[in-house]
Amino acid sequence: MEKSLDYKGRWRNHTVAFRVSDEEARLLNDLVALSGLTKQDYITRRLLCQDVVVQGNPRVYKALKNQMTAIHEELKRMESISSDNDELLYTLQVIAITLDGLKGEDE
Protein backbone atom coordinates (compact mmCIF):
# COMPACT_ATOMS: atom_id res chain seq x y z
CA MET A 1 0.00 0.00 0.00
CA GLU A 2 1.40 3.40 -0.98
CA LYS A 3 1.53 6.11 1.68
CA SER A 4 -0.20 9.37 0.88
CA LEU A 5 -0.74 12.73 2.50
CA ASP A 6 -4.15 14.17 3.30
CA TYR A 7 -5.34 17.50 1.89
CA LYS A 8 -3.44 19.40 4.61
CA GLY A 9 -0.16 17.57 3.97
CA ARG A 10 -0.38 15.29 7.02
CA TRP A 11 0.41 11.61 7.19
CA ARG A 12 -2.65 9.74 8.39
CA ASN A 13 -1.16 6.43 9.39
CA HIS A 14 -3.12 5.66 12.60
CA THR A 15 -6.36 3.72 12.58
CA VAL A 16 -9.06 4.39 15.17
CA ALA A 17 -11.95 1.94 15.30
CA PHE A 18 -14.94 1.47 17.57
CA ARG A 19 -18.24 -0.38 17.62
CA VAL A 20 -21.68 1.21 17.42
CA SER A 21 -25.22 -0.15 17.50
CA ASP A 22 -27.38 -0.34 14.36
CA GLU A 23 -29.27 2.78 15.49
CA GLU A 24 -26.05 4.70 16.16
CA ALA A 25 -24.64 3.64 12.79
CA ARG A 26 -27.78 4.85 10.98
CA LEU A 27 -27.72 8.17 12.83
CA LEU A 28 -23.99 8.62 12.17
CA ASN A 29 -24.45 7.86 8.46
CA ASP A 30 -27.35 10.34 8.27
CA LEU A 31 -25.32 13.08 9.97
CA VAL A 32 -22.32 12.42 7.72
CA ALA A 33 -24.51 12.64 4.60
CA LEU A 34 -26.07 15.89 5.80
CA SER A 35 -22.65 17.40 6.49
CA GLY A 36 -21.27 16.84 2.99
CA LEU A 37 -18.00 15.62 4.55
CA THR A 38 -16.40 12.20 4.40
CA LYS A 39 -17.14 10.00 7.39
CA GLN A 40 -13.49 10.27 8.45
CA ASP A 41 -13.51 14.07 8.32
CA TYR A 42 -16.88 14.29 10.10
CA ILE A 43 -15.85 11.99 12.96
CA THR A 44 -12.44 13.66 13.31
CA ARG A 45 -13.98 17.14 13.52
CA ARG A 46 -16.60 16.04 16.04
CA LEU A 47 -14.04 14.21 18.22
CA LEU A 48 -11.75 17.24 18.22
CA CYS A 49 -14.69 19.58 19.06
CA GLN A 50 -14.28 21.46 15.80
CA ASP A 51 -17.22 23.02 13.98
CA VAL A 52 -18.83 21.03 11.19
CA VAL A 53 -19.62 23.67 8.57
CA VAL A 54 -21.92 22.41 5.85
CA GLN A 55 -21.08 23.58 2.34
CA GLY A 56 -24.13 23.42 0.11
CA ASN A 57 -23.64 21.12 -2.86
CA PRO A 58 -25.75 18.61 -4.82
CA ARG A 59 -24.77 15.74 -2.51
CA VAL A 60 -25.92 17.65 0.60
CA TYR A 61 -29.13 18.71 -1.15
CA LYS A 62 -29.87 15.10 -2.07
CA ALA A 63 -29.20 13.95 1.51
CA LEU A 64 -31.52 16.67 2.86
CA LYS A 65 -34.22 15.71 0.38
CA ASN A 66 -33.93 12.00 1.22
CA GLN A 67 -34.02 12.68 4.97
CA MET A 68 -37.04 14.95 4.66
CA THR A 69 -38.84 12.30 2.59
CA ALA A 70 -38.07 9.63 5.20
CA ILE A 71 -39.19 11.90 8.04
CA HIS A 72 -42.38 12.79 6.19
CA GLU A 73 -43.18 9.10 5.68
CA GLU A 74 -42.46 8.35 9.35
CA LEU A 75 -44.63 11.23 10.55
CA LYS A 76 -47.48 10.08 8.31
CA ARG A 77 -47.15 6.60 9.82
CA MET A 78 -47.20 7.84 13.39
CA GLU A 79 -50.20 9.29 15.17
CA SER A 80 -48.04 11.38 17.46
CA ILE A 81 -44.37 11.81 18.24
CA SER A 82 -43.36 10.12 21.48
CA SER A 83 -40.13 9.98 23.45
CA ASP A 84 -39.34 6.71 21.62
CA ASN A 85 -38.42 8.74 18.56
CA ASP A 86 -35.53 10.82 19.90
CA GLU A 87 -33.35 9.79 16.93
CA LEU A 88 -35.94 11.10 14.46
CA LEU A 89 -36.33 14.36 16.36
CA TYR A 90 -32.56 14.87 16.55
CA THR A 91 -32.17 14.25 12.81
CA LEU A 92 -35.02 16.67 12.09
CA GLN A 93 -33.31 19.30 14.27
CA VAL A 94 -29.99 18.88 12.40
CA ILE A 95 -31.80 19.20 9.05
CA ALA A 96 -33.58 22.36 10.19
CA ILE A 97 -30.30 23.93 11.32
CA THR A 98 -28.61 22.93 8.06
CA LEU A 99 -31.42 24.28 5.90
CA ASP A 100 -31.39 27.52 7.88
CA GLY A 101 -27.63 27.85 7.27
CA LEU A 102 -28.06 27.14 3.54
CA LYS A 103 -30.83 29.74 3.39
CA GLY A 104 -28.44 32.27 4.94
CA GLU A 105 -25.93 31.73 2.12
CA ASP A 106 -28.48 32.88 -0.46
CA GLU A 107 -29.17 36.17 1.29
C-alpha atoms as a PDB file:
ATOM      1  CA  MET A   1       0.000   0.000   0.000  1.00  0.00           C
ATOM      2  CA  GLU A   2       1.403   3.397  -0.981  1.00  0.00           C
ATOM      3  CA  LYS A   3       1.530   6.105   1.683  1.00  0.00           C
ATOM      4  CA  SER A   4      -0.196   9.366   0.876  1.00  0.00           C
ATOM      5  CA  LEU A   5      -0.744  12.727   2.500  1.00  0.00           C
ATOM      6  CA  ASP A   6      -4.148  14.166   3.301  1.00  0.00           C
ATOM      7  CA  TYR A   7      -5.343  17.497   1.891  1.00  0.00           C
ATOM      8  CA  LYS A   8      -3.437  19.401   4.605  1.00  0.00           C
ATOM      9  CA  GLY A   9      -0.163  17.569   3.965  1.00  0.00           C
ATOM     10  CA  ARG A  10      -0.381  15.289   7.016  1.00  0.00           C
ATOM     11  CA  TRP A  11       0.407  11.605   7.190  1.00  0.00           C
ATOM     12  CA  ARG A  12      -2.646   9.737   8.388  1.00  0.00           C
ATOM     13  CA  ASN A  13      -1.162   6.433   9.394  1.00  0.00           C
ATOM     14  CA  HIS A  14      -3.125   5.665  12.603  1.00  0.00           C
ATOM     15  CA  THR A  15      -6.361   3.717  12.585  1.00  0.00           C
ATOM     16  CA  VAL A  16      -9.062   4.389  15.167  1.00  0.00           C
ATOM     17  CA  ALA A  17     -11.955   1.940  15.296  1.00  0.00           C
ATOM     18  CA  PHE A  18     -14.941   1.466  17.574  1.00  0.00           C
ATOM     19  CA  ARG A  19     -18.237  -0.383  17.623  1.00  0.00           C
ATOM     20  CA  VAL A  20     -21.681   1.207  17.425  1.00  0.00           C
ATOM     21  CA  SER A  21     -25.222  -0.146  17.499  1.00  0.00           C
ATOM     22  CA  ASP A  22     -27.379  -0.336  14.362  1.00  0.00           C
ATOM     23  CA  GLU A  23     -29.266   2.777  15.495  1.00  0.00           C
ATOM     24  CA  GLU A  24     -26.048   4.704  16.158  1.00  0.00           C
ATOM     25  CA  ALA A  25     -24.640   3.643  12.787  1.00  0.00           C
ATOM     26  CA  ARG A  26     -27.777   4.854  10.977  1.00  0.00           C
ATOM     27  CA  LEU A  27     -27.715   8.173  12.826  1.00  0.00           C
ATOM     28  CA  LEU A  28     -23.988   8.623  12.168  1.00  0.00           C
ATOM     29  CA  ASN A  29     -24.453   7.862   8.463  1.00  0.00           C
ATOM     30  CA  ASP A  30     -27.350  10.343   8.268  1.00  0.00           C
ATOM     31  CA  LEU A  31     -25.319  13.078   9.967  1.00  0.00           C
ATOM     32  CA  VAL A  32     -22.323  12.425   7.725  1.00  0.00           C
ATOM     33  CA  ALA A  33     -24.511  12.635   4.599  1.00  0.00           C
ATOM     34  CA  LEU A  34     -26.070  15.888   5.805  1.00  0.00           C
ATOM     35  CA  SER A  35     -22.649  17.404   6.487  1.00  0.00           C
ATOM     36  CA  GLY A  36     -21.265  16.839   2.992  1.00  0.00           C
ATOM     37  CA  LEU A  37     -18.001  15.620   4.549  1.00  0.00           C
ATOM     38  CA  THR A  38     -16.398  12.203   4.396  1.00  0.00           C
ATOM     39  CA  LYS A  39     -17.138  10.000   7.387  1.00  0.00           C
ATOM     40  CA  GLN A  40     -13.488  10.265   8.450  1.00  0.00           C
ATOM     41  CA  ASP A  41     -13.509  14.074   8.323  1.00  0.00           C
ATOM     42  CA  TYR A  42     -16.881  14.295  10.097  1.00  0.00           C
ATOM     43  CA  ILE A  43     -15.851  11.994  12.958  1.00  0.00           C
ATOM     44  CA  THR A  44     -12.444  13.661  13.312  1.00  0.00           C
ATOM     45  CA  ARG A  45     -13.983  17.140  13.521  1.00  0.00           C
ATOM     46  CA  ARG A  46     -16.597  16.036  16.044  1.00  0.00           C
ATOM     47  CA  LEU A  47     -14.040  14.207  18.222  1.00  0.00           C
ATOM     48  CA  LEU A  48     -11.746  17.241  18.217  1.00  0.00           C
ATOM     49  CA  CYS A  49     -14.690  19.576  19.061  1.00  0.00           C
ATOM     50  CA  GLN A  50     -14.276  21.456  15.795  1.00  0.00           C
ATOM     51  CA  ASP A  51     -17.225  23.015  13.976  1.00  0.00           C
ATOM     52  CA  VAL A  52     -18.832  21.035  11.189  1.00  0.00           C
ATOM     53  CA  VAL A  53     -19.623  23.668   8.573  1.00  0.00           C
ATOM     54  CA  VAL A  54     -21.918  22.410   5.847  1.00  0.00           C
ATOM     55  CA  GLN A  55     -21.082  23.575   2.343  1.00  0.00           C
ATOM     56  CA  GLY A  56     -24.132  23.420   0.112  1.00  0.00           C
ATOM     57  CA  ASN A  57     -23.640  21.115  -2.864  1.00  0.00           C
ATOM     58  CA  PRO A  58     -25.755  18.611  -4.821  1.00  0.00           C
ATOM     59  CA  ARG A  59     -24.769  15.743  -2.505  1.00  0.00           C
ATOM     60  CA  VAL A  60     -25.916  17.654   0.604  1.00  0.00           C
ATOM     61  CA  TYR A  61     -29.126  18.712  -1.153  1.00  0.00           C
ATOM     62  CA  LYS A  62     -29.872  15.097  -2.071  1.00  0.00           C
ATOM     63  CA  ALA A  63     -29.199  13.953   1.513  1.00  0.00           C
ATOM     64  CA  LEU A  64     -31.516  16.671   2.864  1.00  0.00           C
ATOM     65  CA  LYS A  65     -34.221  15.714   0.383  1.00  0.00           C
ATOM     66  CA  ASN A  66     -33.929  12.003   1.220  1.00  0.00           C
ATOM     67  CA  GLN A  67     -34.016  12.678   4.966  1.00  0.00           C
ATOM     68  CA  MET A  68     -37.040  14.955   4.665  1.00  0.00           C
ATOM     69  CA  THR A  69     -38.840  12.302   2.589  1.00  0.00           C
ATOM     70  CA  ALA A  70     -38.070   9.625   5.195  1.00  0.00           C
ATOM     71  CA  ILE A  71     -39.187  11.896   8.039  1.00  0.00           C
ATOM     72  CA  HIS A  72     -42.382  12.788   6.187  1.00  0.00           C
ATOM     73  CA  GLU A  73     -43.176   9.104   5.682  1.00  0.00           C
ATOM     74  CA  GLU A  74     -42.456   8.347   9.346  1.00  0.00           C
ATOM     75  CA  LEU A  75     -44.629  11.233  10.545  1.00  0.00           C
ATOM     76  CA  LYS A  76     -47.482  10.081   8.314  1.00  0.00           C
ATOM     77  CA  ARG A  77     -47.146   6.603   9.823  1.00  0.00           C
ATOM     78  CA  MET A  78     -47.199   7.837  13.394  1.00  0.00           C
ATOM     79  CA  GLU A  79     -50.204   9.286  15.165  1.00  0.00           C
ATOM     80  CA  SER A  80     -48.044  11.384  17.461  1.00  0.00           C
ATOM     81  CA  ILE A  81     -44.366  11.807  18.242  1.00  0.00           C
ATOM     82  CA  SER A  82     -43.364  10.125  21.479  1.00  0.00           C
ATOM     83  CA  SER A  83     -40.127   9.976  23.451  1.00  0.00           C
ATOM     84  CA  ASP A  84     -39.343   6.711  21.619  1.00  0.00           C
ATOM     85  CA  ASN A  85     -38.420   8.741  18.556  1.00  0.00           C
ATOM     86  CA  ASP A  86     -35.531  10.820  19.901  1.00  0.00           C
ATOM     87  CA  GLU A  87     -33.348   9.794  16.927  1.00  0.00           C
ATOM     88  CA  LEU A  88     -35.944  11.102  14.456  1.00  0.00           C
ATOM     89  CA  LEU A  89     -36.332  14.356  16.361  1.00  0.00           C
ATOM     90  CA  TYR A  90     -32.564  14.867  16.548  1.00  0.00           C
ATOM     91  CA  THR A  91     -32.169  14.246  12.812  1.00  0.00           C
ATOM     92  CA  LEU A  92     -35.016  16.674  12.094  1.00  0.00           C
ATOM     93  CA  GLN A  93     -33.306  19.300  14.269  1.00  0.00           C
ATOM     94  CA  VAL A  94     -29.991  18.883  12.396  1.00  0.00           C
ATOM     95  CA  ILE A  95     -31.801  19.197   9.048  1.00  0.00           C
ATOM     96  CA  ALA A  96     -33.581  22.363  10.188  1.00  0.00           C
ATOM     97  CA  ILE A  97     -30.295  23.932  11.319  1.00  0.00           C
ATOM     98  CA  THR A  98     -28.607  22.930   8.060  1.00  0.00           C
ATOM     99  CA  LEU A  99     -31.417  24.283   5.904  1.00  0.00           C
ATOM    100  CA  ASP A 100     -31.386  27.525   7.884  1.00  0.00           C
ATOM    101  CA  GLY A 101     -27.633  27.847   7.265  1.00  0.00           C
ATOM    102  CA  LEU A 102     -28.061  27.143   3.536  1.00  0.00           C
ATOM    103  CA  LYS A 103     -30.832  29.740   3.386  1.00  0.00           C
ATOM    104  CA  GLY A 104     -28.443  32.266   4.944  1.00  0.00           C
ATOM    105  CA  GLU A 105     -25.928  31.728   2.122  1.00  0.00           C
ATOM    106  CA  ASP A 106     -28.484  32.877  -0.458  1.00  0.00           C
ATOM    107  CA  GLU A 107     -29.172  36.169   1.291  1.00  0.00           C
END
